[in-house]
Amino acid sequence: MNNEETVTEEQKPKRNIWNLVLGIVFLGYGSFRLYQKAGVSDSDTFGILLAIAFIIFGIYDLYKYFAGK
């Protein structure tokens, strides 16, 4: 019985907590900046692209965390 428990624990992928934290931070910051840019009549293309890049990177970090990579 004890052997089976150690095998299942070894098979679980090691999750990096920093992927979760950074994913949430990047997703939140990118969403906040995109929300701010959407309310301004003057278009800032670089700012919008940067906010979208933060959102995409945040989603990727969250994916890495939940996939166990």
Protein backbone atom coordinates (compact mmCIF):
# COMPACT_ATOMS: atom_id res chain seq x y z
CA MET A 1 0.00 0.00 0.00
CA ASN A 2 2.78 2.40 0.87
CA ASN A 3 4.54 1.66 -2.42
CA GLU A 4 1.47 2.71 -4.42
CA GLU A 5 1.28 6.06 -2.65
CA THR A 6 4.88 6.94 -3.47
CA VAL A 7 4.39 6.03 -7.11
CA THR A 8 1.37 8.31 -7.50
CA GLU A 9 3.16 11.15 -5.73
CA GLU A 10 6.14 10.81 -8.08
CA GLN A 11 3.91 10.88 -11.16
CA LYS A 12 2.32 14.21 -10.25
CA PRO A 13 3.92 17.05 -12.18
CA LYS A 14 5.73 19.58 -10.02
CA ARG A 15 3.89 22.90 -10.22
CA ASN A 16 5.82 26.13 -10.04
CA ILE A 17 3.95 28.63 -7.88
CA TRP A 18 5.64 31.53 -9.71
CA ASN A 19 3.80 30.59 -12.91
CA LEU A 20 0.52 31.01 -11.04
CA VAL A 21 1.49 34.29 -9.39
CA LEU A 22 2.99 35.87 -12.51
CA GLY A 23 0.10 34.64 -14.65
CA ILE A 24 -2.43 36.34 -12.41
CA VAL A 25 -0.35 39.53 -12.19
CA PHE A 26 0.24 39.79 -15.95
CA LEU A 27 -3.36 38.98 -16.77
CA GLY A 28 -4.65 41.53 -14.28
CA TYR A 29 -2.22 44.28 -15.29
CA GLY A 30 -2.75 43.72 -19.01
CA SER A 31 -6.53 43.76 -18.60
CA PHE A 32 -6.35 46.93 -16.51
CA ARG A 33 -4.14 48.70 -19.08
CA LEU A 34 -6.35 47.56 -21.96
CA TYR A 35 -9.40 48.85 -20.08
CA GLN A 36 -7.68 52.21 -19.60
CA LYS A 37 -6.68 52.41 -23.27
CA ALA A 38 -10.23 51.58 -24.39
CA GLY A 39 -11.62 54.63 -22.56
CA VAL A 40 -9.28 57.14 -24.22
CA SER A 41 -10.24 58.66 -27.57
CA ASP A 42 -6.56 59.06 -28.58
CA SER A 43 -5.36 55.73 -29.90
CA ASP A 44 -2.01 54.45 -28.65
CA THR A 45 -1.25 51.42 -30.79
CA PHE A 46 1.95 50.44 -28.98
CA GLY A 47 0.23 50.63 -25.58
CA ILE A 48 -2.66 48.48 -26.78
CA LEU A 49 -0.29 45.89 -28.26
CA LEU A 50 1.75 45.85 -25.06
CA ALA A 51 -1.38 45.33 -22.96
CA ILE A 52 -2.47 42.47 -25.22
CA ALA A 53 1.02 40.94 -24.95
CA PHE A 54 0.76 41.05 -21.14
CA ILE A 55 -2.63 39.31 -21.30
CA ILE A 56 -1.32 36.60 -23.63
CA PHE A 57 1.77 36.03 -21.49
CA GLY A 58 -0.43 35.82 -18.37
CA ILE A 59 -2.66 33.22 -20.01
CA TYR A 60 0.45 31.26 -21.07
CA ASP A 61 1.83 31.31 -17.51
CA LEU A 62 -1.49 30.09 -16.13
CA TYR A 63 -1.57 27.36 -18.76
CA LYS A 64 1.95 26.26 -17.76
CA TYR A 65 0.90 26.14 -14.12
CA PHE A 66 -2.26 24.09 -14.63
CA ALA A 67 -0.67 21.80 -17.24
CA GLY A 68 2.21 21.11 -14.87
CA LYS A 69 4.96 22.07 -17.30
